[in-house]
Amino acid sequence: MKTKTIDVVCKCDFHLFKYRKSGSGILIKCFRDNIIESNIDIENIELLAKISCPNCQKELGYWNRIRGKIALKLNNGTIEKIKVK
């Protein structure tokens, strides 16, 4: 499956991370292994811990285990995605 790299940006224009996305469609979950560069903490993860934007403090989503992998489950409408490649 073809992958593309996207910038994941909060609605306040703060750059959160670069993500390697496969498939088409909206961004619902971000697997930790596919996050390339990050401005949020992706090392010290607690499952079900909520993640907020470091700039505006808006809640972005929460960490969960999806299909056996750790992923950030995004809240609907909290981020902008910008295609890079």
N, C-alpha and C. Protein backbone atom coordinates (compact mmCIF):
# COMPACT_ATOMS: atom_id res chain seq x y z
N MET A 1 0.83 -1.18 0.00
CA MET A 1 0.00 0.00 0.00
C MET A 1 0.88 1.25 0.00
N LYS A 2 0.53 2.21 -0.81
CA LYS A 2 1.31 3.43 -0.93
C LYS A 2 1.15 4.30 0.32
N THR A 3 2.27 4.87 0.78
CA THR A 3 2.22 5.76 1.94
C THR A 3 2.60 7.16 1.52
N LYS A 4 2.14 8.12 2.31
CA LYS A 4 2.51 9.52 2.09
C LYS A 4 2.83 10.13 3.45
N THR A 5 3.66 11.14 3.45
CA THR A 5 4.01 11.84 4.67
C THR A 5 3.18 13.10 4.77
N ILE A 6 2.56 13.29 5.92
CA ILE A 6 1.74 14.49 6.13
C ILE A 6 2.20 15.21 7.39
N ASP A 7 2.01 16.52 7.39
CA ASP A 7 2.21 17.32 8.60
C ASP A 7 0.88 17.34 9.33
N VAL A 8 0.91 17.03 10.61
CA VAL A 8 -0.29 17.10 11.44
C VAL A 8 -0.17 18.36 12.27
N VAL A 9 -1.15 19.25 12.08
CA VAL A 9 -1.10 20.59 12.67
C VAL A 9 -2.39 20.83 13.45
N CYS A 10 -2.26 21.42 14.64
CA CYS A 10 -3.42 21.78 15.44
C CYS A 10 -4.17 22.92 14.75
N LYS A 11 -5.42 23.13 15.12
CA LYS A 11 -6.20 24.23 14.56
C LYS A 11 -5.58 25.59 14.87
N CYS A 12 -4.73 25.67 15.92
CA CYS A 12 -4.06 26.93 16.27
C CYS A 12 -2.79 27.13 15.46
N ASP A 13 -2.52 26.27 14.46
CA ASP A 13 -1.36 26.31 13.57
C ASP A 13 -0.06 25.82 14.21
N PHE A 14 -0.11 25.16 15.35
CA PHE A 14 1.08 24.57 15.96
C PHE A 14 1.36 23.23 15.29
N HIS A 15 2.60 23.03 14.81
CA HIS A 15 2.99 21.77 14.17
C HIS A 15 3.17 20.70 15.23
N LEU A 16 2.34 19.66 15.18
CA LEU A 16 2.39 18.58 16.17
C LEU A 16 3.39 17.50 15.80
N PHE A 17 3.25 16.94 14.58
CA PHE A 17 4.18 15.89 14.15
C PHE A 17 4.04 15.62 12.66
N LYS A 18 5.03 14.92 12.13
CA LYS A 18 4.98 14.37 10.77
C LYS A 18 4.55 12.93 10.90
N TYR A 19 3.67 12.50 10.00
CA TYR A 19 3.10 11.17 10.10
C TYR A 19 3.13 10.47 8.75
N ARG A 20 3.51 9.21 8.75
CA ARG A 20 3.53 8.37 7.55
C ARG A 20 2.18 7.68 7.45
N LYS A 21 1.32 8.18 6.56
CA LYS A 21 -0.06 7.69 6.44
C LYS A 21 -0.19 6.77 5.24
N SER A 22 -0.90 5.69 5.44
CA SER A 22 -1.21 4.79 4.32
C SER A 22 -2.71 4.87 4.06
N GLY A 23 -3.06 4.69 2.82
CA GLY A 23 -4.47 4.74 2.46
C GLY A 23 -4.98 6.16 2.30
N SER A 24 -6.22 6.25 1.84
CA SER A 24 -6.84 7.54 1.66
C SER A 24 -7.86 7.76 2.77
N GLY A 25 -8.43 8.92 2.81
CA GLY A 25 -9.46 9.20 3.80
C GLY A 25 -8.95 10.08 4.92
N ILE A 26 -9.86 10.35 5.85
CA ILE A 26 -9.52 11.26 6.94
C ILE A 26 -8.60 10.57 7.95
N LEU A 27 -7.93 11.38 8.73
CA LEU A 27 -7.00 10.88 9.75
C LEU A 27 -7.78 10.67 11.04
N ILE A 28 -7.93 9.41 11.45
CA ILE A 28 -8.70 9.07 12.65
C ILE A 28 -7.77 8.62 13.77
N LYS A 29 -6.75 7.86 13.40
CA LYS A 29 -5.80 7.36 14.39
C LYS A 29 -4.39 7.45 13.81
N CYS A 30 -3.43 7.67 14.69
CA CYS A 30 -2.03 7.76 14.28
C CYS A 30 -1.24 6.73 15.09
N PHE A 31 -0.74 5.71 14.41
CA PHE A 31 0.07 4.72 15.10
C PHE A 31 1.42 5.31 15.47
N ARG A 32 1.84 5.07 16.70
CA ARG A 32 3.09 5.65 17.20
C ARG A 32 4.27 5.31 16.32
N ASP A 33 4.32 4.10 15.79
CA ASP A 33 5.44 3.68 14.95
C ASP A 33 5.53 4.47 13.64
N ASN A 34 4.44 5.11 13.22
CA ASN A 34 4.43 5.87 11.97
C ASN A 34 4.66 7.36 12.18
N ILE A 35 4.83 7.80 13.42
CA ILE A 35 5.14 9.20 13.70
C ILE A 35 6.63 9.39 13.50
N ILE A 36 7.00 10.31 12.60
CA ILE A 36 8.40 10.48 12.22
C ILE A 36 9.09 11.53 13.09
N GLU A 37 8.60 12.75 13.08
CA GLU A 37 9.15 13.85 13.89
C GLU A 37 8.01 14.37 14.74
N SER A 38 8.28 14.63 16.02
CA SER A 38 7.19 15.00 16.90
C SER A 38 7.54 16.17 17.81
N ASN A 39 6.57 17.04 18.03
CA ASN A 39 6.68 18.11 19.02
C ASN A 39 5.84 17.80 20.25
N ILE A 40 5.31 16.58 20.33
CA ILE A 40 4.61 16.10 21.52
C ILE A 40 5.35 14.87 22.02
N ASP A 41 5.14 14.53 23.28
CA ASP A 41 5.84 13.40 23.89
C ASP A 41 5.23 12.09 23.39
N ILE A 42 6.01 11.31 22.66
CA ILE A 42 5.52 10.00 22.20
C ILE A 42 6.32 8.86 22.83
N GLU A 43 7.16 9.17 23.78
CA GLU A 43 7.97 8.14 24.43
C GLU A 43 7.34 7.66 25.74
N ASN A 44 6.85 8.57 26.55
CA ASN A 44 6.28 8.23 27.86
C ASN A 44 4.76 8.16 27.75
N ILE A 45 4.28 7.06 27.20
CA ILE A 45 2.87 6.92 26.89
C ILE A 45 2.17 6.07 27.95
N GLU A 46 1.04 6.58 28.42
CA GLU A 46 0.15 5.79 29.26
C GLU A 46 -1.13 5.59 28.47
N LEU A 47 -1.59 4.36 28.38
CA LEU A 47 -2.82 4.09 27.65
C LEU A 47 -3.98 4.87 28.27
N LEU A 48 -4.84 5.38 27.43
CA LEU A 48 -6.00 6.20 27.77
C LEU A 48 -5.64 7.58 28.30
N ALA A 49 -4.35 7.94 28.28
CA ALA A 49 -3.94 9.29 28.68
C ALA A 49 -4.31 10.26 27.57
N LYS A 50 -4.90 11.38 27.96
CA LYS A 50 -5.31 12.39 26.98
C LYS A 50 -4.11 13.23 26.57
N ILE A 51 -4.10 13.61 25.30
CA ILE A 51 -3.02 14.43 24.74
C ILE A 51 -3.59 15.80 24.38
N SER A 52 -2.87 16.85 24.76
CA SER A 52 -3.29 18.22 24.46
C SER A 52 -2.22 18.92 23.64
N CYS A 53 -2.63 19.93 22.88
CA CYS A 53 -1.70 20.75 22.12
C CYS A 53 -0.83 21.54 23.10
N PRO A 54 0.49 21.51 22.93
CA PRO A 54 1.37 22.26 23.83
C PRO A 54 1.17 23.77 23.72
N ASN A 55 0.62 24.23 22.61
CA ASN A 55 0.45 25.67 22.39
C ASN A 55 -0.87 26.20 22.95
N CYS A 56 -2.01 25.60 22.56
CA CYS A 56 -3.32 26.14 22.96
C CYS A 56 -4.02 25.29 24.02
N GLN A 57 -3.44 24.16 24.40
CA GLN A 57 -3.97 23.24 25.42
C GLN A 57 -5.27 22.55 25.02
N LYS A 58 -5.67 22.63 23.75
CA LYS A 58 -6.87 21.94 23.30
C LYS A 58 -6.62 20.43 23.28
N GLU A 59 -7.60 19.66 23.76
CA GLU A 59 -7.46 18.21 23.79
C GLU A 59 -7.53 17.65 22.37
N LEU A 60 -6.49 16.89 21.99
CA LEU A 60 -6.39 16.33 20.64
C LEU A 60 -6.96 14.92 20.55
N GLY A 61 -6.80 14.14 21.59
CA GLY A 61 -7.23 12.74 21.57
C GLY A 61 -6.62 12.01 22.75
N TYR A 62 -6.51 10.68 22.62
CA TYR A 62 -5.95 9.88 23.69
C TYR A 62 -5.21 8.67 23.11
N TRP A 63 -4.25 8.16 23.89
CA TRP A 63 -3.49 6.97 23.48
C TRP A 63 -4.31 5.73 23.77
N ASN A 64 -4.29 4.79 22.84
CA ASN A 64 -5.01 3.54 23.00
C ASN A 64 -4.27 2.44 22.25
N ARG A 65 -4.67 1.21 22.46
CA ARG A 65 -4.09 0.09 21.74
C ARG A 65 -5.11 -0.33 20.68
N ILE A 66 -4.69 -0.25 19.40
CA ILE A 66 -5.56 -0.60 18.28
C ILE A 66 -4.87 -1.69 17.48
N ARG A 67 -5.55 -2.80 17.32
CA ARG A 67 -4.99 -3.97 16.63
C ARG A 67 -3.62 -4.35 17.19
N GLY A 68 -3.44 -4.22 18.50
CA GLY A 68 -2.20 -4.61 19.16
C GLY A 68 -1.09 -3.57 19.12
N LYS A 69 -1.33 -2.43 18.47
CA LYS A 69 -0.31 -1.37 18.37
C LYS A 69 -0.79 -0.13 19.11
N ILE A 70 0.16 0.63 19.66
CA ILE A 70 -0.18 1.86 20.36
C ILE A 70 -0.46 2.95 19.33
N ALA A 71 -1.59 3.63 19.50
CA ALA A 71 -2.00 4.65 18.54
C ALA A 71 -2.65 5.83 19.26
N LEU A 72 -2.54 6.99 18.65
CA LEU A 72 -3.22 8.19 19.13
C LEU A 72 -4.56 8.26 18.42
N LYS A 73 -5.64 8.09 19.17
CA LYS A 73 -6.99 8.18 18.62
C LYS A 73 -7.40 9.64 18.69
N LEU A 74 -7.57 10.26 17.53
CA LEU A 74 -7.82 11.70 17.46
C LEU A 74 -9.29 12.03 17.68
N ASN A 75 -9.52 13.15 18.37
CA ASN A 75 -10.87 13.68 18.48
C ASN A 75 -11.26 14.30 17.15
N ASN A 76 -12.50 14.17 16.78
CA ASN A 76 -12.99 14.68 15.50
C ASN A 76 -12.84 16.21 15.42
N GLY A 77 -12.21 16.69 14.35
CA GLY A 77 -12.11 18.13 14.09
C GLY A 77 -11.05 18.87 14.86
N THR A 78 -10.11 18.18 15.50
CA THR A 78 -9.12 18.89 16.31
C THR A 78 -7.85 19.24 15.54
N ILE A 79 -7.61 18.62 14.42
CA ILE A 79 -6.35 18.85 13.70
C ILE A 79 -6.59 19.19 12.25
N GLU A 80 -5.54 19.77 11.65
CA GLU A 80 -5.48 19.98 10.21
C GLU A 80 -4.38 19.05 9.70
N LYS A 81 -4.54 18.52 8.52
CA LYS A 81 -3.46 17.73 7.96
C LYS A 81 -3.03 18.37 6.65
N ILE A 82 -1.75 18.40 6.43
CA ILE A 82 -1.19 19.02 5.23
C ILE A 82 -0.30 17.99 4.56
N LYS A 83 -0.60 17.65 3.34
CA LYS A 83 0.17 16.64 2.62
C LYS A 83 1.55 17.19 2.28
N VAL A 84 2.57 16.40 2.58
CA VAL A 84 3.95 16.80 2.30
C VAL A 84 4.46 16.08 1.07
N LYS A 85 4.39 14.75 1.02
CA LYS A 85 4.86 13.97 -0.11
C LYS A 85 3.83 12.93 -0.46
